[in-house]
């Protein structure tokens, strides 16, 4: 059973999926968000094609651990996914994940334009790998 992670943003959703054993996370891509909710169909397609049995949604917390407006949006999105897909959906603390992804891409000297295209996917990959590592006790 594979696990999928989503990094929910205002305009894009980064997507990563684990290997079948649940050891490593691989970035799958980025889904553009739409006002009509078409992104949900894309998430469902990935779940079917990749045989995903569990989903992790990044939960942005404030540095003091509290949940702000962005976190509330992610909680509502996770609840909606849980009901629509009938799969376990977990929220995972993603504090500084996007910043870490940006830093990694800067250190790799990736252009600004290219960074915008991959930062969400890399953030989802980091969220998923941290989740997988925590389950394995690493």
Protein backbone atom coordinates (compact mmCIF):
# COMPACT_ATOMS: atom_id res chain seq x y z
CA UNK A 1 0.00 0.00 0.00
CA UNK A 2 1.39 3.37 -1.01
CA UNK A 3 1.03 6.58 0.95
CA UNK A 4 0.47 9.92 -0.77
CA UNK A 5 1.40 13.32 0.65
CA UNK A 6 -0.11 16.63 -0.37
CA UNK A 7 1.37 20.08 0.19
CA UNK A 8 -1.68 22.32 -0.12
CA UNK A 9 -1.06 25.83 -1.38
CA UNK A 10 -3.31 28.61 -2.62
CA UNK A 11 -2.49 27.99 -6.28
CA UNK A 12 -0.84 24.57 -6.38
CA UNK A 13 -0.80 21.24 -4.58
CA UNK A 14 2.50 19.39 -4.39
CA UNK A 15 2.15 15.62 -4.62
CA UNK A 16 4.46 12.83 -3.49
CA UNK A 17 3.89 9.07 -3.25
CA UNK A 18 5.79 6.40 -1.33
CA UNK A 19 7.24 3.21 -2.72
CA UNK A 20 5.17 0.06 -2.08
CA UNK A 21 7.08 -0.74 1.12
CA UNK A 22 6.55 2.74 2.55
CA UNK A 23 10.26 3.48 2.91
CA UNK A 24 10.92 6.30 0.45
CA UNK A 25 9.01 9.27 -0.90
CA UNK A 26 9.09 10.31 -4.55
CA UNK A 27 7.75 13.55 -5.92
CA UNK A 28 4.96 12.94 -8.41
CA UNK A 29 4.13 16.45 -9.55
CA UNK A 30 2.09 19.55 -8.94
CA UNK A 31 -1.65 19.95 -9.37
CA UNK A 32 -3.04 23.38 -10.19
CA UNK A 33 -5.91 24.42 -7.95
CA UNK A 34 -9.17 25.53 -9.54
CA UNK A 35 -12.19 27.31 -8.14
CA UNK A 36 -14.46 24.50 -9.34
CA UNK A 37 -12.56 21.76 -7.49
CA UNK A 38 -11.16 19.94 -10.55
CA UNK A 39 -8.00 19.23 -8.57
CA UNK A 40 -9.95 16.63 -6.58
CA UNK A 41 -10.47 14.57 -9.72
CA UNK A 42 -6.72 14.64 -10.33
CA UNK A 43 -6.04 13.53 -6.75
CA UNK A 44 -8.55 10.68 -7.18
CA UNK A 45 -6.87 9.63 -10.42
CA UNK A 46 -3.46 9.46 -8.74
CA UNK A 47 -4.94 7.50 -5.82
CA UNK A 48 -6.38 4.91 -8.24
CA UNK A 49 -3.38 4.69 -10.57
CA UNK A 50 -0.78 4.46 -7.81
CA UNK A 51 -2.90 2.27 -5.51
CA UNK A 52 -2.72 4.73 -2.63
CA UNK A 53 -4.22 3.50 0.63
CA UNK A 54 -3.44 6.42 2.92
CA UNK A 55 -3.00 10.18 2.53
CA UNK A 56 -0.93 12.70 4.49
CA UNK A 57 -1.81 16.38 4.23
CA UNK A 58 0.78 18.91 5.36
CA UNK A 59 -0.49 21.02 8.26
CA UNK A 60 1.15 24.43 8.51
CA UNK A 61 1.49 25.43 12.13
CA UNK A 62 2.72 28.68 13.57
CA UNK A 63 6.13 28.56 15.23
CA UNK A 64 4.43 28.35 18.65
CA UNK A 65 2.53 25.24 17.51
CA UNK A 66 -0.84 26.93 17.13
CA UNK A 67 -2.96 26.58 14.02
CA UNK A 68 -3.73 29.68 11.99
CA UNK A 69 -6.09 30.35 9.09
CA UNK A 70 -3.92 28.44 6.58
CA UNK A 71 -3.91 25.44 8.91
CA UNK A 72 -7.70 25.57 9.23
CA UNK A 73 -7.98 25.42 5.42
CA UNK A 74 -5.74 22.33 5.38
CA UNK A 75 -7.80 20.66 8.12
CA UNK A 76 -11.02 21.26 6.15
CA UNK A 77 -9.36 19.94 2.97
CA UNK A 78 -8.21 16.78 4.81
CA UNK A 79 -11.74 16.20 6.15
CA UNK A 80 -13.19 16.63 2.67
CA UNK A 81 -10.67 14.14 1.22
CA UNK A 82 -11.43 11.64 3.99
CA UNK A 83 -15.14 11.74 3.15
CA UNK A 84 -14.73 11.74 -0.62
CA UNK A 85 -12.04 9.04 -0.93
CA UNK A 86 -12.97 6.89 2.07
CA UNK A 87 -9.29 6.57 2.98
CA UNK A 88 -7.35 7.38 6.14
CA UNK A 89 -6.15 10.99 5.93
CA UNK A 90 -3.54 12.23 8.39
CA UNK A 91 -2.39 15.76 9.10
CA UNK A 92 1.37 16.17 9.44
CA UNK A 93 3.21 19.17 10.86
CA UNK A 94 4.90 20.82 7.91
CA UNK A 95 6.50 23.77 9.68
CA UNK A 96 9.37 25.11 7.57
CA UNK A 97 9.04 22.35 4.95
CA UNK A 98 8.55 24.77 2.07
CA UNK A 99 11.42 26.89 3.38
CA UNK A 100 13.64 23.78 3.49
CA UNK A 101 12.61 22.90 -0.06
CA UNK A 102 13.41 26.45 -1.24
CA UNK A 103 16.78 26.34 0.52
CA UNK A 104 17.62 22.98 -1.08
CA UNK A 105 16.77 24.30 -4.53
CA UNK A 106 18.78 27.50 -3.95
CA UNK A 107 21.80 25.47 -2.84
CA UNK A 108 21.43 23.38 -6.00
CA UNK A 109 21.49 26.66 -7.99
CA UNK A 110 18.07 26.03 -9.55
CA UNK A 111 16.73 29.07 -11.37
CA UNK A 112 13.87 31.05 -9.86
CA UNK A 113 11.50 30.03 -12.65
CA UNK A 114 12.36 26.34 -12.26
CA UNK A 115 12.08 26.59 -8.45
CA UNK A 116 8.50 27.78 -8.73
CA UNK A 117 7.70 24.69 -10.78
CA UNK A 118 9.19 22.16 -8.35
CA UNK A 119 9.14 23.64 -4.84
CA UNK A 120 5.65 22.31 -4.02
CA UNK A 121 6.54 18.82 -5.23
CA UNK A 122 9.74 18.85 -3.18
CA UNK A 123 7.85 20.11 -0.11
CA UNK A 124 5.34 17.23 -0.47
CA UNK A 125 8.26 14.81 -0.78
CA UNK A 126 9.83 16.15 2.43
CA UNK A 127 6.49 15.94 4.28
CA UNK A 128 6.04 12.35 3.19
CA UNK A 129 9.60 11.28 3.97
CA UNK A 130 9.35 12.75 7.48
CA UNK A 131 6.05 10.92 7.98
CA UNK A 132 7.49 7.62 6.71
CA UNK A 133 10.57 8.01 8.91
CA UNK A 134 8.41 8.61 11.97
CA UNK A 135 6.41 5.45 11.29
CA UNK A 136 9.59 3.41 10.91
CA UNK A 137 11.01 4.84 14.14
CA UNK A 138 13.96 6.42 12.33
